[in-house]
Amino acid sequence: MIVPIAYYVQGEGRKPDVDIVVSDSCELNYIAIQQTGCRFTLELLPAGKMAVCIENSDFGDYDIEFANADNFVEKLETMINRFNLTQYNKWFNLNLTMEFDPEG
């Protein structure tokens, strides 16, 4: 299966999105991640390191893995497969609570 990823290069900004092929075993969790409205991001860091994230557009990174070019797909699959919708919803609701200001 193919996972589209927003791609950034530190110091240069956003680049065209990339499509990464991952194992079909990631499909159910990938669908759950998509249904939350999150996206995947990849940032190229100094010294050939990479940060791959599940990102919520309002609250930032939900999960992150650091990788090298040789283990990037493995790290992406690990992150997708450990995704837990119940835990994500707790994180999301906590962020909503922290953003709520009853004083207006």
N, C-alpha and C. Protein backbone atom coordinates (compact mmCIF):
# COMPACT_ATOMS: atom_id res chain seq x y z
N MET A 1 0.84 -1.17 0.00
CA MET A 1 0.00 0.00 0.00
C MET A 1 0.88 1.24 0.00
N ILE A 2 0.31 2.36 -0.42
CA ILE A 2 1.08 3.60 -0.56
C ILE A 2 0.62 4.61 0.49
N VAL A 3 1.59 5.22 1.16
CA VAL A 3 1.33 6.25 2.17
C VAL A 3 1.89 7.57 1.64
N PRO A 4 1.03 8.57 1.42
CA PRO A 4 1.53 9.89 1.02
C PRO A 4 2.08 10.63 2.24
N ILE A 5 3.22 11.29 2.05
CA ILE A 5 3.89 11.98 3.16
C ILE A 5 4.27 13.39 2.73
N ALA A 6 3.93 14.37 3.57
CA ALA A 6 4.39 15.74 3.36
C ALA A 6 5.88 15.78 3.70
N TYR A 7 6.67 16.34 2.82
CA TYR A 7 8.13 16.27 2.91
C TYR A 7 8.73 17.65 3.12
N TYR A 8 9.59 17.75 4.13
CA TYR A 8 10.26 19.01 4.47
C TYR A 8 11.76 18.79 4.53
N VAL A 9 12.51 19.80 4.12
CA VAL A 9 13.96 19.79 4.28
C VAL A 9 14.31 20.96 5.20
N GLN A 10 14.98 20.64 6.30
CA GLN A 10 15.33 21.67 7.26
C GLN A 10 16.10 22.80 6.58
N GLY A 11 15.63 24.02 6.78
CA GLY A 11 16.27 25.19 6.18
C GLY A 11 15.76 25.54 4.79
N GLU A 12 15.04 24.62 4.16
CA GLU A 12 14.52 24.86 2.81
C GLU A 12 13.00 24.85 2.75
N GLY A 13 12.35 24.28 3.74
CA GLY A 13 10.90 24.25 3.77
C GLY A 13 10.28 23.06 3.08
N ARG A 14 9.04 23.23 2.68
CA ARG A 14 8.23 22.14 2.11
C ARG A 14 8.66 21.81 0.70
N LYS A 15 8.74 20.54 0.43
CA LYS A 15 9.03 19.99 -0.89
C LYS A 15 7.79 19.24 -1.38
N PRO A 16 7.79 18.79 -2.63
CA PRO A 16 6.65 17.99 -3.09
C PRO A 16 6.45 16.75 -2.21
N ASP A 17 5.19 16.38 -1.99
CA ASP A 17 4.90 15.18 -1.21
C ASP A 17 5.54 13.96 -1.86
N VAL A 18 5.82 12.97 -1.03
CA VAL A 18 6.37 11.71 -1.53
C VAL A 18 5.41 10.58 -1.17
N ASP A 19 5.39 9.55 -1.99
CA ASP A 19 4.59 8.35 -1.74
C ASP A 19 5.54 7.24 -1.33
N ILE A 20 5.25 6.62 -0.19
CA ILE A 20 6.09 5.54 0.34
C ILE A 20 5.29 4.24 0.34
N VAL A 21 5.87 3.20 -0.16
CA VAL A 21 5.23 1.89 -0.17
C VAL A 21 5.53 1.19 1.15
N VAL A 22 4.45 0.78 1.85
CA VAL A 22 4.59 0.05 3.10
C VAL A 22 3.82 -1.26 3.00
N SER A 23 4.05 -2.12 3.96
CA SER A 23 3.40 -3.42 4.00
C SER A 23 1.88 -3.29 4.10
N ASP A 24 1.17 -4.17 3.44
CA ASP A 24 -0.29 -4.19 3.51
C ASP A 24 -0.78 -4.44 4.94
N SER A 25 0.09 -4.97 5.82
CA SER A 25 -0.31 -5.21 7.20
C SER A 25 -0.58 -3.90 7.95
N CYS A 26 -0.18 -2.77 7.39
CA CYS A 26 -0.41 -1.45 7.99
C CYS A 26 -1.78 -0.86 7.66
N GLU A 27 -2.51 -1.51 6.78
CA GLU A 27 -3.70 -0.90 6.20
C GLU A 27 -4.76 -0.47 7.22
N LEU A 28 -5.12 -1.33 8.16
CA LEU A 28 -6.19 -0.98 9.10
C LEU A 28 -5.81 0.22 9.96
N ASN A 29 -4.60 0.23 10.48
CA ASN A 29 -4.18 1.38 11.28
C ASN A 29 -4.00 2.62 10.41
N TYR A 30 -3.54 2.46 9.20
CA TYR A 30 -3.43 3.59 8.29
C TYR A 30 -4.80 4.24 8.07
N ILE A 31 -5.81 3.42 7.85
CA ILE A 31 -7.17 3.94 7.66
C ILE A 31 -7.63 4.68 8.91
N ALA A 32 -7.36 4.11 10.09
CA ALA A 32 -7.74 4.77 11.35
C ALA A 32 -7.04 6.12 11.49
N ILE A 33 -5.78 6.19 11.12
CA ILE A 33 -5.03 7.45 11.18
C ILE A 33 -5.65 8.46 10.22
N GLN A 34 -5.96 8.02 9.01
CA GLN A 34 -6.57 8.92 8.02
C GLN A 34 -7.91 9.46 8.54
N GLN A 35 -8.68 8.62 9.21
CA GLN A 35 -10.00 9.04 9.70
C GLN A 35 -9.90 10.08 10.81
N THR A 36 -8.76 10.19 11.47
CA THR A 36 -8.58 11.22 12.50
C THR A 36 -8.31 12.58 11.87
N GLY A 37 -7.99 12.59 10.57
CA GLY A 37 -7.63 13.84 9.91
C GLY A 37 -6.15 14.14 9.98
N CYS A 38 -5.39 13.26 10.59
CA CYS A 38 -3.94 13.47 10.68
C CYS A 38 -3.27 13.19 9.34
N ARG A 39 -2.05 13.67 9.22
CA ARG A 39 -1.25 13.38 8.03
C ARG A 39 0.12 12.91 8.49
N PHE A 40 0.86 12.35 7.55
CA PHE A 40 2.23 11.94 7.81
C PHE A 40 3.17 13.01 7.29
N THR A 41 4.22 13.28 8.06
CA THR A 41 5.24 14.22 7.62
C THR A 41 6.61 13.57 7.73
N LEU A 42 7.49 14.01 6.89
CA LEU A 42 8.88 13.56 6.90
C LEU A 42 9.75 14.80 6.83
N GLU A 43 10.67 14.93 7.78
CA GLU A 43 11.61 16.05 7.75
C GLU A 43 13.02 15.50 7.67
N LEU A 44 13.74 15.99 6.67
CA LEU A 44 15.14 15.63 6.53
C LEU A 44 15.95 16.51 7.46
N LEU A 45 16.68 15.89 8.38
CA LEU A 45 17.46 16.58 9.39
C LEU A 45 18.95 16.53 9.02
N PRO A 46 19.79 17.26 9.74
CA PRO A 46 21.23 17.20 9.46
C PRO A 46 21.79 15.78 9.62
N ALA A 47 22.89 15.55 8.98
CA ALA A 47 23.63 14.29 9.06
C ALA A 47 22.83 13.10 8.56
N GLY A 48 21.92 13.33 7.62
CA GLY A 48 21.18 12.23 7.02
C GLY A 48 20.10 11.63 7.88
N LYS A 49 19.80 12.23 9.00
CA LYS A 49 18.72 11.73 9.86
C LYS A 49 17.38 12.21 9.32
N MET A 50 16.33 11.49 9.69
CA MET A 50 14.97 11.83 9.27
C MET A 50 14.05 11.73 10.48
N ALA A 51 13.05 12.60 10.49
CA ALA A 51 11.98 12.50 11.49
C ALA A 51 10.69 12.26 10.72
N VAL A 52 10.01 11.17 11.03
CA VAL A 52 8.71 10.87 10.41
C VAL A 52 7.67 10.97 11.51
N CYS A 53 6.58 11.67 11.21
CA CYS A 53 5.58 11.98 12.24
C CYS A 53 4.17 11.71 11.77
N ILE A 54 3.31 11.47 12.74
CA ILE A 54 1.87 11.55 12.55
C ILE A 54 1.50 12.91 13.12
N GLU A 55 0.95 13.77 12.28
CA GLU A 55 0.73 15.16 12.66
C GLU A 55 -0.74 15.54 12.63
N ASN A 56 -1.18 16.17 13.69
CA ASN A 56 -2.51 16.77 13.76
C ASN A 56 -2.33 18.24 13.41
N SER A 57 -3.12 18.75 12.48
CA SER A 57 -2.92 20.12 12.00
C SER A 57 -3.14 21.18 13.07
N ASP A 58 -3.92 20.88 14.09
CA ASP A 58 -4.16 21.85 15.16
C ASP A 58 -3.19 21.73 16.32
N PHE A 59 -2.77 20.51 16.64
CA PHE A 59 -2.00 20.29 17.86
C PHE A 59 -0.58 19.79 17.65
N GLY A 60 -0.17 19.62 16.41
CA GLY A 60 1.21 19.23 16.13
C GLY A 60 1.41 17.73 16.08
N ASP A 61 2.63 17.31 16.38
CA ASP A 61 3.01 15.91 16.24
C ASP A 61 2.38 15.05 17.33
N TYR A 62 1.70 13.99 16.89
CA TYR A 62 1.16 13.01 17.83
C TYR A 62 2.20 11.93 18.12
N ASP A 63 2.91 11.50 17.09
CA ASP A 63 3.91 10.44 17.24
C ASP A 63 5.07 10.75 16.31
N ILE A 64 6.25 10.28 16.70
CA ILE A 64 7.45 10.56 15.90
C ILE A 64 8.41 9.39 15.99
N GLU A 65 9.07 9.12 14.90
CA GLU A 65 10.16 8.15 14.83
C GLU A 65 11.34 8.83 14.14
N PHE A 66 12.53 8.58 14.64
CA PHE A 66 13.75 9.07 13.99
C PHE A 66 14.36 7.91 13.23
N ALA A 67 14.84 8.19 12.03
CA ALA A 67 15.31 7.13 11.15
C ALA A 67 16.50 7.59 10.33
N ASN A 68 17.11 6.63 9.69
CA ASN A 68 18.11 6.84 8.64
C ASN A 68 17.47 6.38 7.34
N ALA A 69 18.11 6.70 6.24
CA ALA A 69 17.56 6.30 4.94
C ALA A 69 17.39 4.78 4.84
N ASP A 70 18.26 4.03 5.49
CA ASP A 70 18.21 2.57 5.35
C ASP A 70 17.12 1.91 6.21
N ASN A 71 16.55 2.62 7.19
CA ASN A 71 15.51 2.00 8.00
C ASN A 71 14.24 2.85 8.07
N PHE A 72 14.11 3.78 7.17
CA PHE A 72 12.98 4.71 7.18
C PHE A 72 11.63 3.99 7.05
N VAL A 73 11.49 3.11 6.08
CA VAL A 73 10.22 2.41 5.86
C VAL A 73 9.87 1.55 7.08
N GLU A 74 10.85 0.89 7.63
CA GLU A 74 10.64 0.07 8.83
C GLU A 74 10.12 0.93 9.98
N LYS A 75 10.70 2.09 10.19
CA LYS A 75 10.27 3.00 11.26
C LYS A 75 8.86 3.53 11.00
N LEU A 76 8.56 3.85 9.75
CA LEU A 76 7.22 4.30 9.39
C LEU A 76 6.19 3.21 9.69
N GLU A 77 6.49 1.99 9.29
CA GLU A 77 5.58 0.87 9.56
C GLU A 77 5.40 0.64 11.06
N THR A 78 6.48 0.75 11.82
CA THR A 78 6.40 0.60 13.28
C THR A 78 5.44 1.62 13.86
N MET A 79 5.57 2.86 13.42
CA MET A 79 4.71 3.93 13.93
C MET A 79 3.25 3.70 13.55
N ILE A 80 3.01 3.31 12.32
CA ILE A 80 1.63 3.04 11.89
C ILE A 80 1.05 1.88 12.69
N ASN A 81 1.81 0.81 12.84
CA ASN A 81 1.28 -0.38 13.52
C ASN A 81 1.06 -0.20 15.01
N ARG A 82 1.74 0.75 15.64
CA ARG A 82 1.51 0.95 17.07
C ARG A 82 0.39 1.97 17.34
N PHE A 83 -0.13 2.60 16.28
CA PHE A 83 -1.20 3.58 16.46
C PHE A 83 -2.39 2.95 17.16
N ASN A 84 -2.89 3.64 18.17
CA ASN A 84 -4.03 3.17 18.95
C ASN A 84 -5.04 4.30 18.99
N LEU A 85 -6.21 4.09 18.40
CA LEU A 85 -7.21 5.14 18.30
C LEU A 85 -7.69 5.63 19.67
N THR A 86 -7.83 4.74 20.62
CA THR A 86 -8.25 5.14 21.97
C THR A 86 -7.22 6.09 22.58
N GLN A 87 -5.94 5.75 22.46
CA GLN A 87 -4.89 6.61 23.00
C GLN A 87 -4.84 7.95 22.25
N TYR A 88 -5.01 7.90 20.95
CA TYR A 88 -5.03 9.14 20.17
C TYR A 88 -6.18 10.03 20.64
N ASN A 89 -7.36 9.47 20.81
CA ASN A 89 -8.51 10.27 21.24
C ASN A 89 -8.29 10.89 22.62
N LYS A 90 -7.63 10.17 23.53
CA LYS A 90 -7.28 10.75 24.84
C LYS A 90 -6.35 11.94 24.66
N TRP A 91 -5.32 11.77 23.82
CA TRP A 91 -4.37 12.86 23.54
C TRP A 91 -5.09 14.06 22.92
N PHE A 92 -5.94 13.79 21.96
CA PHE A 92 -6.67 14.85 21.27
C PHE A 92 -7.57 15.60 22.24
N ASN A 93 -8.33 14.88 23.05
CA ASN A 93 -9.25 15.51 24.00
C ASN A 93 -8.49 16.30 25.07
N LEU A 94 -7.33 15.81 25.48
CA LEU A 94 -6.50 16.55 26.43
C LEU A 94 -6.07 17.88 25.81
N ASN A 95 -5.66 17.85 24.55
CA ASN A 95 -5.28 19.08 23.86
C ASN A 95 -6.45 20.04 23.73
N LEU A 96 -7.64 19.51 23.45
CA LEU A 96 -8.82 20.37 23.38
C LEU A 96 -9.08 21.04 24.72
N THR A 97 -8.95 20.28 25.79
CA THR A 97 -9.17 20.81 27.13
C THR A 97 -8.18 21.91 27.46
N MET A 98 -6.92 21.71 27.08
CA MET A 98 -5.89 22.70 27.36
C MET A 98 -6.09 23.97 26.54
N GLU A 99 -6.71 23.84 25.38
CA GLU A 99 -6.95 24.99 24.51
C GLU A 99 -8.19 25.77 24.94
N PHE A 100 -9.09 25.14 25.68
CA PHE A 100 -10.36 25.77 26.08
C PHE A 100 -10.10 26.82 27.15
N ASP A 101 -10.58 28.02 26.91
CA ASP A 101 -10.45 29.12 27.87
C ASP A 101 -11.85 29.61 28.19
N PRO A 102 -12.40 29.22 29.38
CA PRO A 102 -13.77 29.60 29.71
C PRO A 102 -13.95 31.11 29.87
N GLU A 103 -12.86 31.83 30.07
CA GLU A 103 -12.92 33.29 30.20
C GLU A 103 -13.02 33.97 28.86
N GLY A 104 -12.79 33.20 27.78
CA GLY A 104 -12.97 33.71 26.43
C GLY A 104 -11.77 34.34 25.87
